[in-house]
Amino acid sequence: MSRFRSRSDQAEPDVLGEDVLVVVDRAVDPYLVVFHDPSSFRAEQFRALRNQLIAMNPDGESKTLIVASAVKGEGKTVTAINLALAFAELERHPICLVDADLREPSVEEYLNLNPAPGLSDVLLDRVPLRSAVRDSGIRNLSVLGAGTRLGAPSEVLSVPRIEGLFGSLKERFRYVIIDTPPVLPATDASVLAARADGTLFAVRLEYSAKSHTKEAIRTVQDLGANVLGVFVTEVRGSDPDHDPRLSYRMRTHED
């Protein structure tokens, strides 16, 4: 696919076929490498993903991007955070990272932020959006946490609420990166993906069943989601620890 496409002109791609973007993450651990080790080979994989997503958006319009997975444990949250950090490195690219996993939220924990009113509170009109979105402490990156835990999260994810939220966020931010629950155990991700500009799947090598991935992609596509491709996590062997030819760091005066 050459760009983020609207749902109305979306083709019917062959699931995991030739027209699906596939970018491989070489990191073997769920770690925020773009923040902790920004010059590493692993961090560059997230920048490569960022660059391909920008290339798919040649008009430079504000976009909402879902990061999903078929089942839990595939690395979607770490992928979402690292991708948001990679986007935030760019000048004039204010980014908002949204934790829409109202069942098992973890974005604030990964970023060492205290829990605060967030997405659920905004959707229930308990707090205004401007109060719930907060500075992450990282340049260009704001965070909308999951907010107050709910007994039935899917009940607050109505289409009008989500469309209004996404529209408001796109007025303030260039990219809105949204972490969701896995698709197959819960309906939340499908509802969110149907209203977003694009959906990216995290697929963990030697863990994810191809049948689960295909089923999850079909599920969100049936509701109108624009699936941009998959990001494969935990690919072993092709990194500087195993192949020194892949190491290319900036020299320092001490080198």
Protein backbone atom coordinates (compact mmCIF):
# COMPACT_ATOMS: atom_id res chain seq x y z
CA MET A 1 0.00 0.00 0.00
CA SER A 2 1.36 3.37 -0.90
CA ARG A 3 -0.44 5.56 1.61
CA PHE A 4 -2.97 5.76 4.43
CA ARG A 5 -6.22 5.23 2.55
CA SER A 6 -9.71 6.17 3.59
CA ARG A 7 -12.05 3.33 4.42
CA SER A 8 -14.19 4.16 1.40
CA ASP A 9 -11.43 3.51 -1.13
CA GLN A 10 -9.78 0.61 0.70
CA ALA A 11 -9.04 -2.43 -1.46
CA GLU A 12 -9.55 -5.98 -0.33
CA PRO A 13 -5.94 -7.06 0.19
CA ASP A 14 -4.90 -10.64 0.45
CA VAL A 15 -4.29 -11.13 4.17
CA LEU A 16 -0.53 -11.02 4.74
CA GLY A 17 -0.16 -10.93 0.95
CA GLU A 18 2.22 -9.04 -1.29
CA ASP A 19 0.59 -5.64 -0.86
CA VAL A 20 0.95 -5.65 2.93
CA LEU A 21 3.79 -3.66 4.47
CA VAL A 22 6.03 -5.85 6.62
CA VAL A 23 8.76 -4.28 8.75
CA VAL A 24 10.85 -6.44 11.06
CA ASP A 25 11.82 -5.49 14.59
CA ARG A 26 15.15 -7.11 15.51
CA ALA A 27 14.78 -6.48 19.23
CA VAL A 28 14.53 -9.67 21.29
CA ASP A 29 13.34 -8.00 24.51
CA PRO A 30 10.29 -5.79 25.16
CA TYR A 31 12.34 -2.66 25.83
CA LEU A 32 11.95 1.04 25.03
CA VAL A 33 15.09 1.12 22.93
CA VAL A 34 14.35 4.41 21.17
CA PHE A 35 14.59 6.11 24.57
CA HIS A 36 17.24 4.04 26.36
CA ASP A 37 19.52 3.18 23.43
CA PRO A 38 18.67 5.62 20.62
CA SER A 39 21.75 4.90 18.51
CA SER A 40 21.21 1.13 18.53
CA PHE A 41 20.32 -1.11 15.64
CA ARG A 42 17.08 -2.00 17.40
CA ALA A 43 16.00 1.64 17.67
CA GLU A 44 16.69 2.06 13.96
CA GLN A 45 14.09 -0.60 13.19
CA PHE A 46 11.41 1.58 14.75
CA ARG A 47 12.68 4.59 12.81
CA ALA A 48 12.47 2.50 9.64
CA LEU A 49 8.86 1.70 10.49
CA ARG A 50 8.18 5.39 11.20
CA ASN A 51 9.72 6.42 7.87
CA GLN A 52 7.64 3.92 5.92
CA LEU A 53 4.46 5.14 7.59
CA ILE A 54 5.38 8.74 6.74
CA ALA A 55 6.00 7.68 3.12
CA MET A 56 2.50 6.20 3.09
CA ASN A 57 1.15 9.62 4.09
CA PRO A 58 2.60 11.92 1.39
CA ASP A 59 0.17 14.75 2.10
CA GLY A 60 1.46 15.01 5.68
CA GLU A 61 -2.04 15.07 7.15
CA SER A 62 -2.67 14.29 10.80
CA LYS A 63 -3.37 10.58 11.27
CA THR A 64 -4.64 8.19 13.89
CA LEU A 65 -2.78 4.88 13.95
CA ILE A 66 -3.87 1.79 15.87
CA VAL A 67 -1.21 -0.68 17.03
CA ALA A 68 -2.95 -4.00 17.62
CA SER A 69 -2.23 -7.71 17.89
CA ALA A 70 -4.25 -10.87 17.53
CA VAL A 71 -3.58 -12.14 21.06
CA LYS A 72 -1.74 -10.91 24.14
CA GLY A 73 2.04 -11.19 24.48
CA GLU A 74 2.97 -10.15 20.93
CA GLY A 75 4.67 -6.87 21.82
CA LYS A 76 2.05 -4.37 20.66
CA THR A 77 2.44 -1.97 23.60
CA VAL A 78 6.24 -1.82 23.36
CA THR A 79 5.88 -1.39 19.59
CA ALA A 80 3.37 1.45 20.05
CA ILE A 81 5.56 3.29 22.57
CA ASN A 82 8.78 2.90 20.58
CA LEU A 83 6.99 4.04 17.43
CA ALA A 84 5.61 7.10 19.23
CA LEU A 85 9.10 7.90 20.54
CA ALA A 86 10.50 7.58 17.01
CA PHE A 87 7.87 9.98 15.62
CA ALA A 88 8.52 12.41 18.48
CA GLU A 89 12.17 12.73 17.42
CA LEU A 90 11.08 14.66 14.33
CA GLU A 91 10.77 18.45 14.36
CA ARG A 92 7.25 19.86 14.17
CA HIS A 93 5.75 16.44 14.85
CA PRO A 94 3.74 16.67 18.07
CA ILE A 95 2.67 13.14 18.94
CA CYS A 96 0.01 11.79 21.26
CA LEU A 97 0.28 8.25 22.62
CA VAL A 98 -3.11 6.90 23.73
CA ASP A 99 -3.56 3.90 26.00
CA ALA A 100 -6.87 2.51 24.76
CA ASP A 101 -6.34 -0.84 26.46
CA LEU A 102 -8.92 -0.19 29.16
CA ARG A 103 -8.67 -3.79 30.35
CA GLU A 104 -4.92 -4.13 31.03
CA PRO A 105 -3.41 -0.64 30.61
CA SER A 106 0.37 -0.36 30.80
CA VAL A 107 1.55 2.71 28.85
CA GLU A 108 1.87 4.89 31.96
CA GLU A 109 3.78 2.15 33.76
CA TYR A 110 6.26 1.78 30.88
CA LEU A 111 6.84 5.54 30.86
CA ASN A 112 7.08 5.73 34.66
CA LEU A 113 4.06 8.03 34.92
CA ASN A 114 1.60 7.99 37.79
CA PRO A 115 -1.93 6.92 36.84
CA ALA A 116 -4.23 9.87 36.17
CA PRO A 117 -7.63 10.58 34.63
CA GLY A 118 -7.48 9.51 31.01
CA LEU A 119 -9.36 8.01 28.09
CA SER A 120 -12.22 6.40 30.00
CA ASP A 121 -12.84 9.60 31.94
CA VAL A 122 -12.91 11.66 28.73
CA LEU A 123 -15.34 9.26 27.04
CA LEU A 124 -17.62 9.42 30.10
CA ASP A 125 -17.40 13.25 30.18
CA ARG A 126 -15.81 13.23 33.62
CA VAL A 127 -12.88 15.40 32.52
CA PRO A 128 -12.21 17.45 29.39
CA LEU A 129 -9.72 16.10 26.87
CA ARG A 130 -7.35 19.05 27.37
CA SER A 131 -7.01 18.10 31.05
CA ALA A 132 -6.50 14.40 30.45
CA VAL A 133 -3.75 14.74 27.83
CA ARG A 134 -0.48 15.38 29.64
CA ASP A 135 3.19 15.88 28.98
CA SER A 136 5.22 12.68 29.02
CA GLY A 137 8.46 14.45 29.91
CA ILE A 138 9.78 13.61 26.45
CA ARG A 139 9.97 16.34 23.82
CA ASN A 140 7.03 16.34 21.38
CA LEU A 141 5.30 13.43 23.12
CA SER A 142 2.03 13.75 25.04
CA VAL A 143 0.14 10.89 26.67
CA LEU A 144 -3.52 10.10 27.17
CA GLY A 145 -3.57 7.28 29.68
CA ALA A 146 -6.32 4.70 30.07
CA GLY A 147 -7.93 6.48 33.02
CA THR A 148 -10.31 5.01 35.58
CA ARG A 149 -10.78 1.26 35.34
CA LEU A 150 -14.22 0.23 34.09
CA GLY A 151 -16.27 -2.89 34.54
CA ALA A 152 -17.36 -3.02 30.88
CA PRO A 153 -14.90 -1.02 28.75
CA SER A 154 -16.57 -1.82 25.43
CA GLU A 155 -19.71 0.03 26.52
CA VAL A 156 -17.96 3.44 26.43
CA LEU A 157 -16.43 2.90 22.98
CA SER A 158 -19.36 4.14 20.96
CA VAL A 159 -18.73 5.30 17.40
CA PRO A 160 -19.73 8.97 17.98
CA ARG A 161 -17.51 9.22 21.05
CA ILE A 162 -14.52 7.68 19.29
CA GLU A 163 -14.93 9.79 16.17
CA GLY A 164 -15.19 12.95 18.25
CA LEU A 165 -12.12 12.01 20.28
CA PHE A 166 -10.01 11.16 17.24
CA GLY A 167 -11.08 14.36 15.50
CA SER A 168 -10.10 16.49 18.49
CA LEU A 169 -6.72 14.77 18.86
CA LYS A 170 -5.92 15.21 15.15
CA GLU A 171 -6.48 18.96 15.52
CA ARG A 172 -3.59 19.10 18.01
CA PHE A 173 -1.21 16.33 16.95
CA ARG A 174 0.46 15.19 13.74
CA TYR A 175 0.21 11.51 14.65
CA VAL A 176 -1.91 9.82 17.30
CA ILE A 177 -0.57 6.37 18.21
CA ILE A 178 -3.15 4.18 19.94
CA ASP A 179 -2.41 1.01 21.90
CA THR A 180 -5.39 -1.34 22.11
CA PRO A 181 -6.30 -4.68 23.66
CA PRO A 182 -5.63 -7.72 21.46
CA VAL A 183 -8.28 -8.21 18.80
CA LEU A 184 -9.46 -11.79 19.35
CA PRO A 185 -10.18 -11.73 23.12
CA ALA A 186 -12.00 -8.36 23.06
CA THR A 187 -14.06 -6.26 20.66
CA ASP A 188 -12.48 -2.94 21.69
CA ALA A 189 -9.65 -2.96 19.15
CA SER A 190 -11.99 -3.66 16.25
CA VAL A 191 -14.24 -0.73 17.14
CA LEU A 192 -11.25 1.60 17.45
CA ALA A 193 -9.56 0.33 14.30
CA ALA A 194 -12.71 0.92 12.27
CA ARG A 195 -12.59 4.65 13.10
CA ALA A 196 -8.80 5.16 12.81
CA ASP A 197 -6.88 6.10 9.67
CA GLY A 198 -4.70 3.00 9.78
CA THR A 199 -4.03 -0.17 11.76
CA LEU A 200 -0.68 -1.88 12.27
CA PHE A 201 -0.44 -5.40 13.68
CA ALA A 202 2.39 -6.55 15.94
CA VAL A 203 3.15 -10.22 15.25
CA ARG A 204 5.59 -12.10 17.47
CA LEU A 205 7.74 -14.60 15.60
CA GLU A 206 7.56 -18.22 16.79
CA TYR A 207 4.69 -17.27 19.11
CA SER A 208 1.83 -15.99 16.99
CA ALA A 209 -0.27 -18.55 15.15
CA LYS A 210 -0.77 -17.55 11.51
CA SER A 211 -4.41 -18.55 11.78
CA HIS A 212 -4.89 -16.13 14.69
CA THR A 213 -3.22 -13.29 12.82
CA LYS A 214 -5.32 -13.86 9.71
CA GLU A 215 -8.50 -14.08 11.75
CA ALA A 216 -7.69 -10.86 13.60
CA ILE A 217 -6.93 -8.97 10.38
CA ARG A 218 -10.14 -10.18 8.79
CA THR A 219 -12.08 -9.22 11.91
CA VAL A 220 -10.99 -5.58 11.85
CA GLN A 221 -11.25 -5.36 8.06
CA ASP A 222 -14.84 -6.60 8.17
CA LEU A 223 -15.64 -3.56 10.30
CA GLY A 224 -13.90 -1.21 7.87
CA ALA A 225 -10.37 -0.94 9.28
CA ASN A 226 -7.52 0.08 6.96
CA VAL A 227 -4.82 -2.50 7.74
CA LEU A 228 -1.43 -1.07 6.77
CA GLY A 229 0.62 -4.17 7.51
CA VAL A 230 2.42 -6.11 10.22
CA PHE A 231 5.47 -5.45 12.36
CA VAL A 232 7.26 -8.67 13.26
CA THR A 233 8.81 -8.78 16.73
CA GLU A 234 11.49 -10.98 18.28
CA VAL A 235 13.33 -11.87 15.07
CA ARG A 236 16.59 -13.37 16.28
CA GLY A 237 19.98 -13.49 14.65
CA SER A 238 20.02 -10.40 12.42
CA ASP A 239 21.43 -7.86 14.83
CA PRO A 240 24.90 -6.54 15.75
CA ASP A 241 25.24 -9.04 18.61
CA HIS A 242 25.33 -11.82 16.00
CA ASP A 243 26.65 -10.00 12.93
CA PRO A 244 29.17 -7.14 13.48
CA ARG A 245 28.59 -5.90 9.92
CA LEU A 246 25.26 -4.53 11.14
CA SER A 247 26.93 -2.33 13.77
CA TYR A 248 27.37 1.28 12.65
CA ARG A 249 27.49 3.72 15.55
CA MET A 250 28.71 7.29 15.62
CA ARG A 251 32.32 7.52 16.73
CA THR A 252 33.20 9.54 19.82
CA HIS A 253 36.45 11.29 20.68
CA GLU A 254 37.30 8.35 22.95
CA ASP A 255 37.00 5.78 20.13
